[in-house]
Amino acid sequence: MTFPRHFISLDALTAEQFRQLLSVATYLKARRAPSTVLDGKTLAMIFEKPSLRTRLSFEQAMIELGGNAIYIRGEEVGLGTREPVKDAARVLGRYVHAVMARVFKHACIAELAAHSPVPVINGLSDTTHPCQALADFLTIREHCGRIDGLTVVFIGDANNVCRSLAHACILAGSRLVLACPPAYAFTAADIAGFGGHWGRSVIQVHDPKTAVAGADVLATDVWTSMGQEAEKEQRLRDFQGFQINDGLLAATGGRAKVLHCLPAHRGEEITDAVMEGPNSLIFDQAENRLHAQKAVLRLLLAKDAADAAAVIAAAQR
């Protein structure tokens, strides 16, 4: 099976490709050692929005695979402002072997991919965060022993992280339950994107204790994301009762694993006690950004289809 040219959104993957990525990530993590497999390859990393985990995990991934990474601030490029996105895409493709971009608008990533002669990776957009969801399911598989038949409850806003996690659940054969206030629910466009999986693999409810009953995994994100600072006070009021705390964890029977994509606003969407407690996988999850993205880079930058197939076959033995 041919791996996609770009890594933009999980809904562009098949269930088999999703599992292949997880297998390769597990394989590379177990054999973490200096490599020369991407010797001579360079990744351009464009950051319109800053990030500790995205920058360091991609840069370290390229180092461990034997390649190089170049950090570029968004204002240095000015995608769509200083110059057209399609022009920047074609210039970048003459210099480097892949582009990772962390952007405000998903349309920017889509246009980069449409015009780029090299692979483009979505490091985050306002619509999706596929690298995070891939790392989440790598963590889930490590600690739950499987990825299918699970109930993953996302408590918070129907944001980019939640949307990608929902698509990951669909690919994994699990179920995503969104627990949110009514004003922060999936949009009609989101629901259309889930297709026939809506109401079965993806559902939403507005009572957090009802949502978490029987949950295998609880996941959350900050209630106020970057760029939403003016809404903070309203969001704090609206999300009262949606904090992951000891009481909500107890409503799962005390068994659910806990994820948070970080950075966390401790005391708002999650308590210190839960973050530091035995159910928390949060820092394993953060580490797995590195391993998941190594898998993406290894397959996108494979020498050819035979090389990619060989890596997948080795990982699935």
C-alpha atoms as a PDB file:
ATOM      1  CA  MET A   1       0.000   0.000   0.000  1.00  0.00           C
ATOM      2  CA  THR A   2       1.366   3.430  -0.976  1.00  0.00           C
ATOM      3  CA  PHE A   3       1.724   5.842   1.932  1.00  0.00           C
ATOM      4  CA  PRO A   4       0.210   9.326   1.375  1.00  0.00           C
ATOM      5  CA  ARG A   5       2.513  12.040   0.056  1.00  0.00           C
ATOM      6  CA  HIS A   6       1.553  14.494   2.822  1.00  0.00           C
ATOM      7  CA  PHE A   7       0.448  14.191   6.469  1.00  0.00           C
ATOM      8  CA  ILE A   8      -2.263  16.818   6.766  1.00  0.00           C
ATOM      9  CA  SER A   9      -5.270  15.208   8.424  1.00  0.00           C
ATOM     10  CA  LEU A  10      -6.053  11.742   9.741  1.00  0.00           C
ATOM     11  CA  ASP A  11      -9.200  11.510   7.655  1.00  0.00           C
ATOM     12  CA  ALA A  12      -6.896  11.159   4.626  1.00  0.00           C
ATOM     13  CA  LEU A  13      -5.544   7.865   6.014  1.00  0.00           C
ATOM     14  CA  THR A  14      -7.003   4.385   5.846  1.00  0.00           C
ATOM     15  CA  ALA A  15      -7.328   2.298   9.002  1.00  0.00           C
ATOM     16  CA  GLU A  16      -4.479   0.129   7.720  1.00  0.00           C
ATOM     17  CA  GLN A  17      -2.182   3.126   7.180  1.00  0.00           C
ATOM     18  CA  PHE A  18      -2.999   4.401  10.676  1.00  0.00           C
ATOM     19  CA  ARG A  19      -2.026   1.061  12.190  1.00  0.00           C
ATOM     20  CA  GLN A  20       1.126   0.967  10.065  1.00  0.00           C
ATOM     21  CA  LEU A  21       2.186   4.326  11.465  1.00  0.00           C
ATOM     22  CA  LEU A  22       1.618   3.109  15.013  1.00  0.00           C
ATOM     23  CA  SER A  23       3.606  -0.046  14.318  1.00  0.00           C
ATOM     24  CA  VAL A  24       6.529   1.894  12.850  1.00  0.00           C
ATOM     25  CA  ALA A  25       6.448   4.333  15.801  1.00  0.00           C
ATOM     26  CA  THR A  26       6.562   1.424  18.256  1.00  0.00           C
ATOM     27  CA  TYR A  27       9.383  -0.195  16.285  1.00  0.00           C
ATOM     28  CA  LEU A  28      11.465   2.996  16.212  1.00  0.00           C
ATOM     29  CA  LYS A  29      10.827   3.708  19.885  1.00  0.00           C
ATOM     30  CA  ALA A  30      12.008   0.231  20.895  1.00  0.00           C
ATOM     31  CA  ARG A  31      15.157   0.671  18.800  1.00  0.00           C
ATOM     32  CA  ARG A  32      15.917   4.262  19.708  1.00  0.00           C
ATOM     33  CA  ALA A  33      19.496   4.816  18.637  1.00  0.00           C
ATOM     34  CA  PRO A  34      21.403   7.153  16.317  1.00  0.00           C
ATOM     35  CA  SER A  35      20.566   6.441  12.687  1.00  0.00           C
ATOM     36  CA  THR A  36      21.710   7.644   9.280  1.00  0.00           C
ATOM     37  CA  VAL A  37      18.537   6.689   7.443  1.00  0.00           C
ATOM     38  CA  LEU A  38      17.699  10.354   6.685  1.00  0.00           C
ATOM     39  CA  ASP A  39      21.289  11.454   6.153  1.00  0.00           C
ATOM     40  CA  GLY A  40      21.336  14.491   3.873  1.00  0.00           C
ATOM     41  CA  LYS A  41      17.619  15.215   4.420  1.00  0.00           C
ATOM     42  CA  THR A  42      16.408  18.540   5.831  1.00  0.00           C
ATOM     43  CA  LEU A  43      13.043  19.438   7.362  1.00  0.00           C
ATOM     44  CA  ALA A  44      11.909  23.077   7.294  1.00  0.00           C
ATOM     45  CA  MET A  45       9.794  23.866  10.375  1.00  0.00           C
ATOM     46  CA  ILE A  46       7.539  26.932  10.048  1.00  0.00           C
ATOM     47  CA  PHE A  47       5.987  28.204  13.272  1.00  0.00           C
ATOM     48  CA  GLU A  48       3.223  30.800  13.086  1.00  0.00           C
ATOM     49  CA  LYS A  49       2.297  29.578  16.600  1.00  0.00           C
ATOM     50  CA  PRO A  50       5.048  28.649  19.086  1.00  0.00           C
ATOM     51  CA  SER A  51       5.256  25.248  20.766  1.00  0.00           C
ATOM     52  CA  LEU A  52       7.672  23.485  23.101  1.00  0.00           C
ATOM     53  CA  ARG A  53       6.681  19.923  22.160  1.00  0.00           C
ATOM     54  CA  THR A  54       6.184  20.390  18.425  1.00  0.00           C
ATOM     55  CA  ARG A  55       9.500  22.129  17.877  1.00  0.00           C
ATOM     56  CA  LEU A  56      11.659  19.896  20.056  1.00  0.00           C
ATOM     57  CA  SER A  57      10.020  16.618  19.035  1.00  0.00           C
ATOM     58  CA  PHE A  58      10.368  17.288  15.299  1.00  0.00           C
ATOM     59  CA  GLU A  59      13.896  18.636  15.624  1.00  0.00           C
ATOM     60  CA  GLN A  60      14.994  15.707  17.777  1.00  0.00           C
ATOM     61  CA  ALA A  61      13.250  13.265  15.437  1.00  0.00           C
ATOM     62  CA  MET A  62      15.279  14.519  12.508  1.00  0.00           C
ATOM     63  CA  ILE A  63      18.506  14.387  14.541  1.00  0.00           C
ATOM     64  CA  GLU A  64      17.841  10.799  15.630  1.00  0.00           C
ATOM     65  CA  LEU A  65      17.097   9.758  12.052  1.00  0.00           C
ATOM     66  CA  GLY A  66      20.308  11.368  10.830  1.00  0.00           C
ATOM     67  CA  GLY A  67      18.814  14.446   9.173  1.00  0.00           C
ATOM     68  CA  ASN A  68      18.610  18.154   9.918  1.00  0.00           C
ATOM     69  CA  ALA A  69      15.847  20.584  10.863  1.00  0.00           C
ATOM     70  CA  ILE A  70      15.621  24.335  10.315  1.00  0.00           C
ATOM     71  CA  TYR A  71      13.401  26.442  12.579  1.00  0.00           C
ATOM     72  CA  ILE A  72      11.640  29.330  10.817  1.00  0.00           C
ATOM     73  CA  ARG A  73       9.452  31.905  12.575  1.00  0.00           C
ATOM     74  CA  GLY A  74       6.173  32.547  10.826  1.00  0.00           C
ATOM     75  CA  GLU A  75       6.887  36.236  10.320  1.00  0.00           C
ATOM     76  CA  GLU A  76      10.090  35.369   8.469  1.00  0.00           C
ATOM     77  CA  VAL A  77       8.000  33.725   5.761  1.00  0.00           C
ATOM     78  CA  GLY A  78       4.716  35.619   5.963  1.00  0.00           C
ATOM     79  CA  LEU A  79       2.630  32.873   4.392  1.00  0.00           C
ATOM     80  CA  GLY A  80      -0.194  34.533   2.506  1.00  0.00           C
ATOM     81  CA  THR A  81       0.873  38.039   3.577  1.00  0.00           C
ATOM     82  CA  ARG A  82       4.479  38.696   2.656  1.00  0.00           C
ATOM     83  CA  GLU A  83       4.140  36.388  -0.321  1.00  0.00           C
ATOM     84  CA  PRO A  84       1.568  33.937  -1.674  1.00  0.00           C
ATOM     85  CA  VAL A  85       1.545  30.523   0.000  1.00  0.00           C
ATOM     86  CA  LYS A  86       1.966  28.789  -3.360  1.00  0.00           C
ATOM     87  CA  ASP A  87       5.155  30.760  -4.073  1.00  0.00           C
ATOM     88  CA  ALA A  88       6.657  29.959  -0.677  1.00  0.00           C
ATOM     89  CA  ALA A  89       5.754  26.279  -1.119  1.00  0.00           C
ATOM     90  CA  ARG A  90       7.605  26.022  -4.409  1.00  0.00           C
ATOM     91  CA  VAL A  91      10.665  27.858  -3.090  1.00  0.00           C
ATOM     92  CA  LEU A  92      10.848  25.696   0.032  1.00  0.00           C
ATOM     93  CA  GLY A  93      10.648  22.599  -2.138  1.00  0.00           C
ATOM     94  CA  ARG A  94      13.810  23.703  -3.970  1.00  0.00           C
ATOM     95  CA  TYR A  95      15.747  23.922  -0.688  1.00  0.00           C
ATOM     96  CA  VAL A  96      14.525  21.177   1.663  1.00  0.00           C
ATOM     97  CA  HIS A  97      13.126  17.657   1.578  1.00  0.00           C
ATOM     98  CA  ALA A  98      10.002  18.185   3.712  1.00  0.00           C
ATOM     99  CA  VAL A  99       8.076  21.005   5.376  1.00  0.00           C
ATOM    100  CA  MET A 100       6.350  20.960   8.758  1.00  0.00           C
ATOM    101  CA  ALA A 101       4.111  23.950   9.443  1.00  0.00           C
ATOM    102  CA  ARG A 102       2.254  24.979  12.590  1.00  0.00           C
ATOM    103  CA  VAL A 103      -0.264  27.553  11.429  1.00  0.00           C
ATOM    104  CA  PHE A 104      -3.331  29.531  12.401  1.00  0.00           C
ATOM    105  CA  LYS A 105      -5.488  28.595   9.398  1.00  0.00           C
ATOM    106  CA  HIS A 106      -5.896  25.113   7.958  1.00  0.00           C
ATOM    107  CA  ALA A 107      -6.294  26.599   4.477  1.00  0.00           C
ATOM    108  CA  CYS A 108      -2.640  27.582   4.682  1.00  0.00           C
ATOM    109  CA  ILE A 109      -1.527  23.962   5.224  1.00  0.00           C
ATOM    110  CA  ALA A 110      -3.826  22.762   2.455  1.00  0.00           C
ATOM    111  CA  GLU A 111      -2.387  25.297   0.007  1.00  0.00           C
ATOM    112  CA  LEU A 112       1.181  24.456   0.999  1.00  0.00           C
ATOM    113  CA  ALA A 113       0.502  20.797   0.252  1.00  0.00           C
ATOM    114  CA  ALA A 114      -1.254  21.583  -3.026  1.00  0.00           C
ATOM    115  CA  HIS A 115       1.803  23.401  -4.396  1.00  0.00           C
ATOM    116  CA  SER A 116       4.719  21.777  -2.593  1.00  0.00           C
ATOM    117  CA  PRO A 117       7.046  19.445  -4.514  1.00  0.00           C
ATOM    118  CA  VAL A 118       8.034  17.863  -1.162  1.00  0.00           C
ATOM    119  CA  PRO A 119       5.984  16.307   1.661  1.00  0.00           C
ATOM    120  CA  VAL A 120       4.098  18.664   3.985  1.00  0.00           C
ATOM    121  CA  ILE A 121       3.277  17.806   7.600  1.00  0.00           C
ATOM    122  CA  ASN A 122       0.597  19.541   9.639  1.00  0.00           C
ATOM    123  CA  GLY A 123       2.151  20.471  12.989  1.00  0.00           C
ATOM    124  CA  LEU A 124      -1.182  22.047  14.010  1.00  0.00           C
ATOM    125  CA  SER A 125      -3.884  24.109  12.362  1.00  0.00           C
ATOM    126  CA  ASP A 126      -7.156  25.548  13.610  1.00  0.00           C
ATOM    127  CA  THR A 127      -8.941  22.515  12.185  1.00  0.00           C
ATOM    128  CA  THR A 128      -6.741  19.517  12.989  1.00  0.00           C
ATOM    129  CA  HIS A 129      -3.754  18.283  14.991  1.00  0.00           C
ATOM    130  CA  PRO A 130      -2.986  14.864  13.483  1.00  0.00           C
ATOM    131  CA  CYS A 131       0.475  14.472  15.051  1.00  0.00           C
ATOM    132  CA  GLN A 132      -1.050  14.814  18.512  1.00  0.00           C
ATOM    133  CA  ALA A 133      -3.766  12.237  17.857  1.00  0.00           C
ATOM    134  CA  LEU A 134      -1.218   9.774  16.483  1.00  0.00           C
ATOM    135  CA  ALA A 135       0.881  10.162  19.639  1.00  0.00           C
ATOM    136  CA  ASP A 136      -2.270   9.782  21.750  1.00  0.00           C
ATOM    137  CA  PHE A 137      -3.095   6.425  20.212  1.00  0.00           C
ATOM    138  CA  LEU A 138       0.490   5.255  20.447  1.00  0.00           C
ATOM    139  CA  THR A 139       0.183   5.945  24.192  1.00  0.00           C
ATOM    140  CA  ILE A 140      -3.224   4.277  24.404  1.00  0.00           C
ATOM    141  CA  ARG A 141      -1.930   1.142  22.693  1.00  0.00           C
ATOM    142  CA  GLU A 142       1.072   0.952  25.022  1.00  0.00           C
ATOM    143  CA  HIS A 143      -1.036   1.191  28.176  1.00  0.00           C
ATOM    144  CA  CYS A 144      -4.336  -0.430  27.165  1.00  0.00           C
ATOM    145  CA  GLY A 145      -2.835  -3.179  25.018  1.00  0.00           C
ATOM    146  CA  ARG A 146      -5.069  -2.396  22.055  1.00  0.00           C
ATOM    147  CA  ILE A 147      -6.615   0.487  20.132  1.00  0.00           C
ATOM    148  CA  ASP A 148      -9.955  -1.031  19.110  1.00  0.00           C
ATOM    149  CA  GLY A 149     -13.145  -1.304  21.126  1.00  0.00           C
ATOM    150  CA  LEU A 150     -12.235   1.480  23.551  1.00  0.00           C
ATOM    151  CA  THR A 151     -14.244   4.454  24.766  1.00  0.00           C
ATOM    152  CA  VAL A 152     -12.250   7.691  24.695  1.00  0.00           C
ATOM    153  CA  VAL A 153     -13.955  10.675  26.327  1.00  0.00           C
ATOM    154  CA  PHE A 154     -12.712  14.136  25.391  1.00  0.00           C
ATOM    155  CA  ILE A 155     -13.786  16.698  27.969  1.00  0.00           C
ATOM    156  CA  GLY A 156     -13.681  20.234  26.652  1.00  0.00           C
ATOM    157  CA  ASP A 157     -14.058  22.211  23.451  1.00  0.00           C
ATOM    158  CA  ALA A 158     -14.690  20.532  20.067  1.00  0.00           C
ATOM    159  CA  ASN A 159     -11.374  21.953  18.920  1.00  0.00           C
ATOM    160  CA  ASN A 160      -8.607  20.810  16.584  1.00  0.00           C
ATOM    161  CA  VAL A 161      -7.232  18.301  19.110  1.00  0.00           C
ATOM    162  CA  CYS A 162     -10.663  16.806  19.744  1.00  0.00           C
ATOM    163  CA  ARG A 163     -11.479  16.656  16.039  1.00  0.00           C
ATOM    164  CA  SER A 164      -8.295  14.736  15.200  1.00  0.00           C
ATOM    165  CA  LEU A 165      -8.791  12.422  18.169  1.00  0.00           C
ATOM    166  CA  ALA A 166     -12.287  11.653  16.863  1.00  0.00           C
ATOM    167  CA  HIS A 167     -10.872  10.692  13.457  1.00  0.00           C
ATOM    168  CA  ALA A 168      -8.216   8.581  15.201  1.00  0.00           C
ATOM    169  CA  CYS A 169     -10.956   6.740  17.099  1.00  0.00           C
ATOM    170  CA  ILE A 170     -12.751   6.041  13.826  1.00  0.00           C
ATOM    171  CA  LEU A 171      -9.557   4.622  12.278  1.00  0.00           C
ATOM    172  CA  ALA A 172      -8.788   2.598  15.409  1.00  0.00           C
ATOM    173  CA  GLY A 173     -12.237   1.052  15.711  1.00  0.00           C
ATOM    174  CA  SER A 174     -12.927   2.838  18.996  1.00  0.00           C
ATOM    175  CA  ARG A 175     -15.465   5.452  20.081  1.00  0.00           C
ATOM    176  CA  LEU A 176     -15.013   9.146  20.851  1.00  0.00           C
ATOM    177  CA  VAL A 177     -17.434  10.787  23.272  1.00  0.00           C
ATOM    178  CA  LEU A 178     -17.218  14.576  23.453  1.00  0.00           C
ATOM    179  CA  ALA A 179     -18.361  16.029  26.786  1.00  0.00           C
ATOM    180  CA  CYS A 180     -18.838  19.766  26.411  1.00  0.00           C
ATOM    181  CA  PRO A 181     -21.185  22.689  27.108  1.00  0.00           C
ATOM    182  CA  PRO A 182     -23.717  23.049  24.249  1.00  0.00           C
ATOM    183  CA  ALA A 183     -22.024  26.149  22.813  1.00  0.00           C
ATOM    184  CA  TYR A 184     -18.750  24.252  22.320  1.00  0.00           C
ATOM    185  CA  ALA A 185     -20.063  21.215  20.470  1.00  0.00           C
ATOM    186  CA  PHE A 186     -19.122  19.820  17.058  1.00  0.00           C
ATOM    187  CA  THR A 187     -20.329  21.967  14.182  1.00  0.00           C
ATOM    188  CA  ALA A 188     -22.520  20.817  11.315  1.00  0.00           C
ATOM    189  CA  ALA A 189     -19.392  20.716   9.153  1.00  0.00           C
ATOM    190  CA  ASP A 190     -17.639  18.497  11.711  1.00  0.00           C
ATOM    191  CA  ILE A 191     -20.589  16.137  11.811  1.00  0.00           C
ATOM    192  CA  ALA A 192     -20.708  15.953   8.018  1.00  0.00           C
ATOM    193  CA  GLY A 193     -16.996  15.122   8.053  1.00  0.00           C
ATOM    194  CA  PHE A 194     -17.607  12.145  10.333  1.00  0.00           C
ATOM    195  CA  GLY A 195     -20.094  10.763   7.801  1.00  0.00           C
ATOM    196  CA  GLY A 196     -21.748   7.514   8.806  1.00  0.00           C
ATOM    197  CA  HIS A 197     -19.556   7.292  11.898  1.00  0.00           C
ATOM    198  CA  TRP A 198     -21.493  10.118  13.548  1.00  0.00           C
ATOM    199  CA  GLY A 199     -23.786   8.766  16.252  1.00  0.00           C
ATOM    200  CA  ARG A 200     -21.846   5.499  16.434  1.00  0.00           C
ATOM    201  CA  SER A 201     -18.073   6.045  16.569  1.00  0.00           C
ATOM    202  CA  VAL A 202     -18.406   9.728  17.477  1.00  0.00           C
ATOM    203  CA  ILE A 203     -21.052  11.139  19.815  1.00  0.00           C
ATOM    204  CA  GLN A 204     -21.415  14.155  22.093  1.00  0.00           C
ATOM    205  CA  VAL A 205     -23.172  14.732  25.395  1.00  0.00           C
ATOM    206  CA  HIS A 206     -23.385  17.751  27.673  1.00  0.00           C
ATOM    207  CA  ASP A 207     -23.186  16.114  31.097  1.00  0.00           C
ATOM    208  CA  PRO A 208     -19.611  15.132  31.997  1.00  0.00           C
ATOM    209  CA  LYS A 209     -20.508  12.453  34.557  1.00  0.00           C
ATOM    210  CA  THR A 210     -22.827  10.755  32.073  1.00  0.00           C
ATOM    211  CA  ALA A 211     -20.116  10.959  29.419  1.00  0.00           C
ATOM    212  CA  VAL A 212     -17.356   9.323  31.451  1.00  0.00           C
ATOM    213  CA  ALA A 213     -19.308   6.277  32.623  1.00  0.00           C
ATOM    214  CA  GLY A 214     -17.463   3.257  31.218  1.00  0.00           C
ATOM    215  CA  ALA A 215     -14.629   5.356  29.788  1.00  0.00           C
ATOM    216  CA  ASP A 216     -11.272   3.724  29.133  1.00  0.00           C
ATOM    217  CA  VAL A 217      -9.517   7.042  28.490  1.00  0.00           C
ATOM    218  CA  LEU A 218     -10.224  10.628  29.523  1.00  0.00           C
ATOM    219  CA  ALA A 219      -8.594  13.345  27.445  1.00  0.00           C
ATOM    220  CA  THR A 220      -8.672  17.100  27.685  1.00  0.00           C
ATOM    221  CA  ASP A 221      -7.073  20.326  26.498  1.00  0.00           C
ATOM    222  CA  VAL A 222      -6.985  23.891  27.798  1.00  0.00           C
ATOM    223  CA  TRP A 223     -10.330  25.653  27.832  1.00  0.00           C
ATOM    224  CA  THR A 224      -8.794  28.802  26.346  1.00  0.00           C
ATOM    225  CA  SER A 225      -6.406  28.197  23.469  1.00  0.00           C
ATOM    226  CA  MET A 226      -3.852  30.539  21.951  1.00  0.00           C
ATOM    227  CA  GLY A 227      -5.712  33.358  20.203  1.00  0.00           C
ATOM    228  CA  GLN A 228      -8.810  33.034  22.441  1.00  0.00           C
ATOM    229  CA  GLU A 229      -7.516  35.066  25.371  1.00  0.00           C
ATOM    230  CA  ALA A 230     -10.351  37.611  25.092  1.00  0.00           C
ATOM    231  CA  GLU A 231     -12.832  34.790  25.722  1.00  0.00           C
ATOM    232  CA  LYS A 232     -11.107  33.442  28.840  1.00  0.00           C
ATOM    233  CA  GLU A 233     -13.511  34.675  31.526  1.00  0.00           C
ATOM    234  CA  GLN A 234     -16.562  33.497  29.562  1.00  0.00           C
ATOM    235  CA  ARG A 235     -14.979  30.109  28.912  1.00  0.00           C
ATOM    236  CA  LEU A 236     -14.076  29.650  32.574  1.00  0.00           C
ATOM    237  CA  ARG A 237     -17.732  30.215  33.465  1.00  0.00           C
ATOM    238  CA  ASP A 238     -19.062  27.974  30.689  1.00  0.00           C
ATOM    239  CA  PHE A 239     -16.794  25.039  31.522  1.00  0.00           C
ATOM    240  CA  GLN A 240     -17.568  24.887  35.231  1.00  0.00           C
ATOM    241  CA  GLY A 241     -18.186  21.217  36.074  1.00  0.00           C
ATOM    242  CA  PHE A 242     -16.047  19.940  33.194  1.00  0.00           C
ATOM    243  CA  GLN A 243     -12.760  19.734  35.091  1.00  0.00           C
ATOM    244  CA  ILE A 244     -10.991  16.365  35.217  1.00  0.00           C
ATOM    245  CA  ASN A 245     -10.614  15.904  38.960  1.00  0.00           C
ATOM    246  CA  ASP A 246     -10.773  13.071  41.462  1.00  0.00           C
ATOM    247  CA  GLY A 247     -14.576  13.135  41.431  1.00  0.00           C
ATOM    248  CA  LEU A 248     -14.877  12.836  37.673  1.00  0.00           C
ATOM    249  CA  LEU A 249     -12.198  10.140  37.584  1.00  0.00           C
ATOM    250  CA  ALA A 250     -14.115   8.225  40.264  1.00  0.00           C
ATOM    251  CA  ALA A 251     -17.204   8.334  38.004  1.00  0.00           C
ATOM    252  CA  THR A 252     -15.288   6.098  35.557  1.00  0.00           C
ATOM    253  CA  GLY A 253     -14.835   3.524  38.303  1.00  0.00           C
ATOM    254  CA  GLY A 254     -11.373   4.944  38.862  1.00  0.00           C
ATOM    255  CA  ARG A 255      -9.985   2.935  35.976  1.00  0.00           C
ATOM    256  CA  ALA A 256      -9.703   5.404  33.115  1.00  0.00           C
ATOM    257  CA  LYS A 257      -6.316   6.556  31.862  1.00  0.00           C
ATOM    258  CA  VAL A 258      -5.852  10.321  31.558  1.00  0.00           C
ATOM    259  CA  LEU A 259      -4.378  12.268  28.637  1.00  0.00           C
ATOM    260  CA  HIS A 260      -3.670  15.967  28.121  1.00  0.00           C
ATOM    261  CA  CYS A 261      -1.916  17.340  25.029  1.00  0.00           C
ATOM    262  CA  LEU A 262      -0.180  20.094  27.086  1.00  0.00           C
ATOM    263  CA  PRO A 263       0.474  22.793  28.012  1.00  0.00           C
ATOM    264  CA  ALA A 264      -1.972  22.436  30.905  1.00  0.00           C
ATOM    265  CA  HIS A 265      -3.657  25.125  32.953  1.00  0.00           C
ATOM    266  CA  ARG A 266      -3.512  23.206  36.212  1.00  0.00           C
ATOM    267  CA  GLY A 267      -6.501  23.969  38.392  1.00  0.00           C
ATOM    268  CA  GLU A 268      -8.709  24.791  35.401  1.00  0.00           C
ATOM    269  CA  GLU A 269      -9.372  21.876  33.017  1.00  0.00           C
ATOM    270  CA  ILE A 270      -7.433  19.377  35.170  1.00  0.00           C
ATOM    271  CA  THR A 271      -6.188  19.207  38.752  1.00  0.00           C
ATOM    272  CA  ASP A 272      -2.656  18.691  39.996  1.00  0.00           C
ATOM    273  CA  ALA A 273      -3.814  15.541  41.780  1.00  0.00           C
ATOM    274  CA  VAL A 274      -4.975  13.899  38.551  1.00  0.00           C
ATOM    275  CA  MET A 275      -1.995  15.076  36.502  1.00  0.00           C
ATOM    276  CA  GLU A 276       0.403  13.617  39.056  1.00  0.00           C
ATOM    277  CA  GLY A 277      -1.747  10.589  39.887  1.00  0.00           C
ATOM    278  CA  PRO A 278      -1.385   6.926  38.878  1.00  0.00           C
ATOM    279  CA  ASN A 279      -3.935   7.185  36.055  1.00  0.00           C
ATOM    280  CA  SER A 280      -2.021   9.942  34.273  1.00  0.00           C
ATOM    281  CA  LEU A 281      -0.226   9.062  31.032  1.00  0.00           C
ATOM    282  CA  ILE A 282       0.387  12.707  30.201  1.00  0.00           C
ATOM    283  CA  PHE A 283       4.163  12.687  30.124  1.00  0.00           C
ATOM    284  CA  ASP A 284       4.350   9.345  28.299  1.00  0.00           C
ATOM    285  CA  GLN A 285       1.975  10.974  25.812  1.00  0.00           C
ATOM    286  CA  ALA A 286       4.261  14.000  25.468  1.00  0.00           C
ATOM    287  CA  GLU A 287       7.273  11.756  24.854  1.00  0.00           C
ATOM    288  CA  ASN A 288       5.359   9.832  22.211  1.00  0.00           C
ATOM    289  CA  ARG A 289       5.091  12.935  20.041  1.00  0.00           C
ATOM    290  CA  LEU A 290       8.759  12.238  19.226  1.00  0.00           C
ATOM    291  CA  HIS A 291       8.246   8.593  18.327  1.00  0.00           C
ATOM    292  CA  ALA A 292       5.012   9.122  16.395  1.00  0.00           C
ATOM    293  CA  GLN A 293       6.589  11.889  14.325  1.00  0.00           C
ATOM    294  CA  LYS A 294       9.687   9.795  13.660  1.00  0.00           C
ATOM    295  CA  ALA A 295       7.341   7.262  12.062  1.00  0.00           C
ATOM    296  CA  VAL A 296       5.712   9.969   9.921  1.00  0.00           C
ATOM    297  CA  LEU A 297       9.087  11.311   8.796  1.00  0.00           C
ATOM    298  CA  ARG A 298      10.504   7.851   8.148  1.00  0.00           C
ATOM    299  CA  LEU A 299       7.649   6.915   5.826  1.00  0.00           C
ATOM    300  CA  LEU A 300       7.201  10.291   4.114  1.00  0.00           C
ATOM    301  CA  LEU A 301      10.935  10.520   3.416  1.00  0.00           C
ATOM    302  CA  ALA A 302      11.487   6.866   2.502  1.00  0.00           C
ATOM    303  CA  LYS A 303      13.794   6.354  -0.474  1.00  0.00           C
ATOM    304  CA  ASP A 304      10.982   4.737  -2.430  1.00  0.00           C
ATOM    305  CA  ALA A 305       7.883   2.572  -2.001  1.00  0.00           C
ATOM    306  CA  ALA A 306      10.010  -0.525  -1.445  1.00  0.00           C
ATOM    307  CA  ASP A 307      11.905   1.172   1.388  1.00  0.00           C
ATOM    308  CA  ALA A 308       8.665   2.225   3.087  1.00  0.00           C
ATOM    309  CA  ALA A 309       7.223  -1.264   2.673  1.00  0.00           C
ATOM    310  CA  ALA A 310      10.348  -2.801   4.193  1.00  0.00           C
ATOM    311  CA  VAL A 311      10.118  -0.556   7.267  1.00  0.00           C
ATOM    312  CA  ILE A 312       6.438  -1.391   7.728  1.00  0.00           C
ATOM    313  CA  ALA A 313       7.088  -5.106   7.318  1.00  0.00           C
ATOM    314  CA  ALA A 314       9.909  -5.020   9.879  1.00  0.00           C
ATOM    315  CA  ALA A 315       7.702  -3.151  12.336  1.00  0.00           C
ATOM    316  CA  GLN A 316       4.819  -5.605  11.990  1.00  0.00           C
ATOM    317  CA  ARG A 317       6.845  -8.786  12.528  1.00  0.00           C
END
